[in-house]
Amino acid sequence: KNMAYAERVSLGEMEKRLPPQFVRCHKSYIINIVYVDSIVGSLIYMADGTRIVAGRKYLADVRKELLAFAQNRMEYVSGNYVESKKMAKSSA
């Protein structure tokens, strides 16, 4: 059966429980980095059109995580990129 459970937990605790693609972007928000379209200034544009203002405290981390996600995704998507990376390691 599908059942729903309710639990009171702080956002900080929830952030610890979530997989790494979830990133704190504001004292009141955690986002899934997979669905970030772009970041312009402190505005985060999500795939569904939602705009979220990132807190100053969190903005640098969000940018860093988005960049890391994009780089990792390139490795999986582009066979040539993966191949050239492997060749670079073997020739070193």
N, C-alpha and C. Protein backbone atom coordinates (compact mmCIF):
# COMPACT_ATOMS: atom_id res chain seq x y z
N LYS A 1 0.83 -1.20 0.00
CA LYS A 1 0.00 0.00 0.00
C LYS A 1 0.86 1.25 0.00
N ASN A 2 0.37 2.29 -0.64
CA ASN A 2 1.03 3.59 -0.55
C ASN A 2 0.52 4.29 0.69
N MET A 3 1.43 4.66 1.54
CA MET A 3 1.04 5.35 2.76
C MET A 3 1.86 6.63 2.89
N ALA A 4 1.28 7.62 3.51
CA ALA A 4 1.97 8.88 3.75
C ALA A 4 2.30 8.98 5.23
N TYR A 5 3.46 9.51 5.51
CA TYR A 5 3.89 9.72 6.88
C TYR A 5 4.24 11.18 7.06
N ALA A 6 3.92 11.71 8.20
CA ALA A 6 4.26 13.09 8.51
C ALA A 6 5.29 13.09 9.64
N GLU A 7 6.25 13.98 9.51
CA GLU A 7 7.29 14.07 10.52
C GLU A 7 7.75 15.53 10.60
N ARG A 8 7.93 16.01 11.79
CA ARG A 8 8.46 17.37 11.97
C ARG A 8 9.97 17.27 12.06
N VAL A 9 10.62 17.95 11.13
CA VAL A 9 12.08 17.92 11.10
C VAL A 9 12.55 19.26 10.54
N SER A 10 13.70 19.72 11.01
CA SER A 10 14.22 20.99 10.52
C SER A 10 14.72 20.83 9.09
N LEU A 11 14.81 21.95 8.39
CA LEU A 11 15.30 21.93 7.02
C LEU A 11 16.76 21.46 6.99
N GLY A 12 17.51 21.83 8.00
CA GLY A 12 18.90 21.39 8.11
C GLY A 12 19.00 19.88 8.22
N GLU A 13 18.13 19.28 9.02
CA GLU A 13 18.10 17.82 9.17
C GLU A 13 17.65 17.17 7.86
N MET A 14 16.67 17.74 7.21
CA MET A 14 16.19 17.21 5.94
C MET A 14 17.31 17.26 4.89
N GLU A 15 18.06 18.34 4.89
CA GLU A 15 19.17 18.49 3.95
C GLU A 15 20.19 17.36 4.13
N LYS A 16 20.45 16.97 5.36
CA LYS A 16 21.38 15.86 5.63
C LYS A 16 20.86 14.53 5.12
N ARG A 17 19.56 14.35 5.13
CA ARG A 17 18.94 13.09 4.73
C ARG A 17 18.80 12.92 3.22
N LEU A 18 18.74 14.03 2.51
CA LEU A 18 18.51 13.99 1.06
C LEU A 18 19.77 13.62 0.29
N PRO A 19 19.60 13.07 -0.92
CA PRO A 19 20.76 12.76 -1.77
C PRO A 19 21.53 14.03 -2.13
N PRO A 20 22.77 13.88 -2.60
CA PRO A 20 23.63 15.05 -2.85
C PRO A 20 23.12 16.03 -3.90
N GLN A 21 22.21 15.62 -4.79
CA GLN A 21 21.74 16.58 -5.80
C GLN A 21 20.78 17.62 -5.21
N PHE A 22 20.41 17.47 -3.95
CA PHE A 22 19.58 18.47 -3.28
C PHE A 22 20.50 19.44 -2.55
N VAL A 23 20.31 20.73 -2.82
CA VAL A 23 21.20 21.76 -2.31
C VAL A 23 20.40 22.85 -1.61
N ARG A 24 20.88 23.29 -0.50
CA ARG A 24 20.25 24.41 0.22
C ARG A 24 20.58 25.69 -0.50
N CYS A 25 19.56 26.47 -0.87
CA CYS A 25 19.80 27.71 -1.59
C CYS A 25 19.30 28.94 -0.83
N HIS A 26 18.62 28.69 0.29
CA HIS A 26 18.01 29.77 1.07
C HIS A 26 17.68 29.18 2.42
N LYS A 27 17.51 30.00 3.42
CA LYS A 27 17.18 29.45 4.74
C LYS A 27 15.85 28.70 4.74
N SER A 28 15.01 28.96 3.73
CA SER A 28 13.70 28.32 3.65
C SER A 28 13.55 27.34 2.50
N TYR A 29 14.61 27.13 1.68
CA TYR A 29 14.48 26.29 0.49
C TYR A 29 15.63 25.32 0.31
N ILE A 30 15.29 24.14 -0.16
CA ILE A 30 16.25 23.17 -0.68
C ILE A 30 15.78 22.86 -2.10
N ILE A 31 16.70 22.87 -3.06
CA ILE A 31 16.31 22.60 -4.45
C ILE A 31 17.03 21.35 -4.97
N ASN A 32 16.44 20.76 -6.00
CA ASN A 32 17.06 19.65 -6.69
C ASN A 32 17.86 20.25 -7.85
N ILE A 33 19.18 20.15 -7.77
CA ILE A 33 20.07 20.79 -8.74
C ILE A 33 19.83 20.27 -10.17
N VAL A 34 19.26 19.09 -10.29
CA VAL A 34 18.96 18.49 -11.59
C VAL A 34 17.99 19.37 -12.38
N TYR A 35 17.12 20.08 -11.70
CA TYR A 35 16.08 20.87 -12.35
C TYR A 35 16.39 22.35 -12.43
N VAL A 36 17.64 22.74 -12.19
CA VAL A 36 18.03 24.14 -12.33
C VAL A 36 18.34 24.41 -13.79
N ASP A 37 17.66 25.41 -14.37
CA ASP A 37 17.93 25.82 -15.75
C ASP A 37 19.10 26.79 -15.81
N SER A 38 19.07 27.79 -14.95
CA SER A 38 20.14 28.78 -14.96
C SER A 38 20.14 29.57 -13.65
N ILE A 39 21.24 30.28 -13.46
CA ILE A 39 21.35 31.21 -12.33
C ILE A 39 21.79 32.54 -12.91
N VAL A 40 21.02 33.57 -12.62
CA VAL A 40 21.34 34.92 -13.07
C VAL A 40 21.35 35.80 -11.83
N GLY A 41 22.53 36.29 -11.49
CA GLY A 41 22.65 37.04 -10.25
C GLY A 41 22.34 36.11 -9.09
N SER A 42 21.37 36.48 -8.28
CA SER A 42 20.97 35.62 -7.17
C SER A 42 19.66 34.89 -7.47
N LEU A 43 19.17 35.00 -8.71
CA LEU A 43 17.94 34.31 -9.10
C LEU A 43 18.25 32.95 -9.69
N ILE A 44 17.58 31.92 -9.17
CA ILE A 44 17.71 30.57 -9.70
C ILE A 44 16.45 30.28 -10.50
N TYR A 45 16.63 29.94 -11.77
CA TYR A 45 15.51 29.61 -12.64
C TYR A 45 15.41 28.09 -12.73
N MET A 46 14.25 27.57 -12.33
CA MET A 46 14.03 26.13 -12.34
C MET A 46 13.38 25.71 -13.66
N ALA A 47 13.45 24.43 -13.98
CA ALA A 47 12.93 23.89 -15.25
C ALA A 47 11.43 24.16 -15.42
N ASP A 48 10.68 24.22 -14.33
CA ASP A 48 9.23 24.44 -14.43
C ASP A 48 8.86 25.92 -14.47
N GLY A 49 9.87 26.81 -14.55
CA GLY A 49 9.61 28.24 -14.62
C GLY A 49 9.65 28.95 -13.28
N THR A 50 9.75 28.21 -12.21
CA THR A 50 9.84 28.81 -10.88
C THR A 50 11.14 29.59 -10.75
N ARG A 51 11.04 30.77 -10.13
CA ARG A 51 12.23 31.57 -9.82
C ARG A 51 12.40 31.61 -8.32
N ILE A 52 13.62 31.35 -7.88
CA ILE A 52 13.91 31.33 -6.45
C ILE A 52 15.08 32.28 -6.20
N VAL A 53 14.95 33.12 -5.21
CA VAL A 53 16.04 34.01 -4.84
C VAL A 53 16.94 33.24 -3.88
N ALA A 54 18.20 33.08 -4.28
CA ALA A 54 19.16 32.39 -3.43
C ALA A 54 19.66 33.34 -2.35
N GLY A 55 19.82 32.81 -1.16
CA GLY A 55 20.37 33.61 -0.08
C GLY A 55 21.86 33.84 -0.30
N ARG A 56 22.35 34.99 0.12
CA ARG A 56 23.78 35.32 -0.05
C ARG A 56 24.67 34.25 0.56
N LYS A 57 24.25 33.73 1.68
CA LYS A 57 25.02 32.71 2.40
C LYS A 57 25.16 31.42 1.59
N TYR A 58 24.22 31.13 0.71
CA TYR A 58 24.18 29.85 0.00
C TYR A 58 24.57 29.95 -1.48
N LEU A 59 24.59 31.13 -2.06
CA LEU A 59 24.74 31.29 -3.50
C LEU A 59 26.03 30.67 -4.05
N ALA A 60 27.14 30.87 -3.40
CA ALA A 60 28.41 30.32 -3.88
C ALA A 60 28.36 28.79 -3.91
N ASP A 61 27.78 28.18 -2.89
CA ASP A 61 27.67 26.72 -2.85
C ASP A 61 26.75 26.20 -3.95
N VAL A 62 25.66 26.91 -4.21
CA VAL A 62 24.73 26.49 -5.27
C VAL A 62 25.44 26.53 -6.61
N ARG A 63 26.17 27.60 -6.88
CA ARG A 63 26.92 27.72 -8.14
C ARG A 63 27.95 26.59 -8.26
N LYS A 64 28.65 26.31 -7.18
CA LYS A 64 29.67 25.26 -7.20
C LYS A 64 29.04 23.89 -7.47
N GLU A 65 27.92 23.61 -6.81
CA GLU A 65 27.25 22.33 -7.00
C GLU A 65 26.68 22.19 -8.41
N LEU A 66 26.16 23.28 -8.95
CA LEU A 66 25.62 23.25 -10.32
C LEU A 66 26.74 22.97 -11.32
N LEU A 67 27.87 23.62 -11.14
CA LEU A 67 29.01 23.39 -12.02
C LEU A 67 29.50 21.94 -11.93
N ALA A 68 29.61 21.42 -10.72
CA ALA A 68 30.04 20.02 -10.53
C ALA A 68 29.04 19.07 -11.17
N PHE A 69 27.76 19.34 -11.01
CA PHE A 69 26.74 18.49 -11.61
C PHE A 69 26.86 18.52 -13.14
N ALA A 70 27.02 19.70 -13.71
CA ALA A 70 27.12 19.83 -15.16
C ALA A 70 28.36 19.11 -15.68
N GLN A 71 29.47 19.20 -14.97
CA GLN A 71 30.69 18.52 -15.40
C GLN A 71 30.51 17.00 -15.34
N ASN A 72 29.92 16.50 -14.27
CA ASN A 72 29.68 15.07 -14.14
C ASN A 72 28.72 14.58 -15.21
N ARG A 73 27.73 15.39 -15.51
CA ARG A 73 26.75 15.02 -16.52
C ARG A 73 27.41 14.92 -17.90
N MET A 74 28.34 15.83 -18.17
CA MET A 74 29.08 15.80 -19.44
C MET A 74 29.80 14.46 -19.59
N GLU A 75 30.37 13.97 -18.49
CA GLU A 75 31.10 12.71 -18.54
C GLU A 75 30.18 11.56 -18.95
N TYR A 76 28.95 11.58 -18.47
CA TYR A 76 28.01 10.50 -18.76
C TYR A 76 27.36 10.63 -20.13
N VAL A 77 27.13 11.85 -20.57
CA VAL A 77 26.40 12.09 -21.81
C VAL A 77 27.29 11.96 -23.03
N SER A 78 28.48 12.48 -22.95
CA SER A 78 29.35 12.56 -24.12
C SER A 78 30.36 11.41 -24.12
N GLY A 79 30.14 10.44 -24.97
CA GLY A 79 31.06 9.31 -25.07
C GLY A 79 32.46 9.75 -25.45
N ASN A 80 32.56 10.73 -26.34
CA ASN A 80 33.88 11.22 -26.75
C ASN A 80 34.62 11.85 -25.59
N TYR A 81 33.90 12.59 -24.77
CA TYR A 81 34.52 13.24 -23.62
C TYR A 81 35.07 12.19 -22.67
N VAL A 82 34.29 11.16 -22.39
CA VAL A 82 34.72 10.09 -21.49
C VAL A 82 35.93 9.39 -22.09
N GLU A 83 35.87 9.11 -23.39
CA GLU A 83 36.96 8.41 -24.06
C GLU A 83 38.25 9.22 -24.01
N SER A 84 38.15 10.51 -24.31
CA SER A 84 39.36 11.34 -24.31
C SER A 84 39.92 11.47 -22.90
N LYS A 85 39.06 11.48 -21.91
CA LYS A 85 39.51 11.56 -20.54
C LYS A 85 40.26 10.29 -20.15
N LYS A 86 39.74 9.13 -20.56
CA LYS A 86 40.40 7.85 -20.28
C LYS A 86 41.74 7.79 -20.98
N MET A 87 41.80 8.25 -22.24
CA MET A 87 43.03 8.22 -23.00
C MET A 87 44.07 9.13 -22.35
N ALA A 88 43.64 10.26 -21.86
CA ALA A 88 44.57 11.20 -21.21
C ALA A 88 45.18 10.56 -19.96
N LYS A 89 44.37 9.81 -19.23
CA LYS A 89 44.87 9.16 -18.03
C LYS A 89 45.87 8.06 -18.38
N SER A 90 45.56 7.27 -19.43
CA SER A 90 46.42 6.15 -19.80
C SER A 90 47.73 6.61 -20.43
N SER A 91 47.72 7.77 -21.09
CA SER A 91 48.94 8.26 -21.72
C SER A 91 49.82 9.04 -20.75
N ALA A 92 49.29 9.35 -19.58
CA ALA A 92 50.06 10.14 -18.61
C ALA A 92 51.08 9.29 -17.89
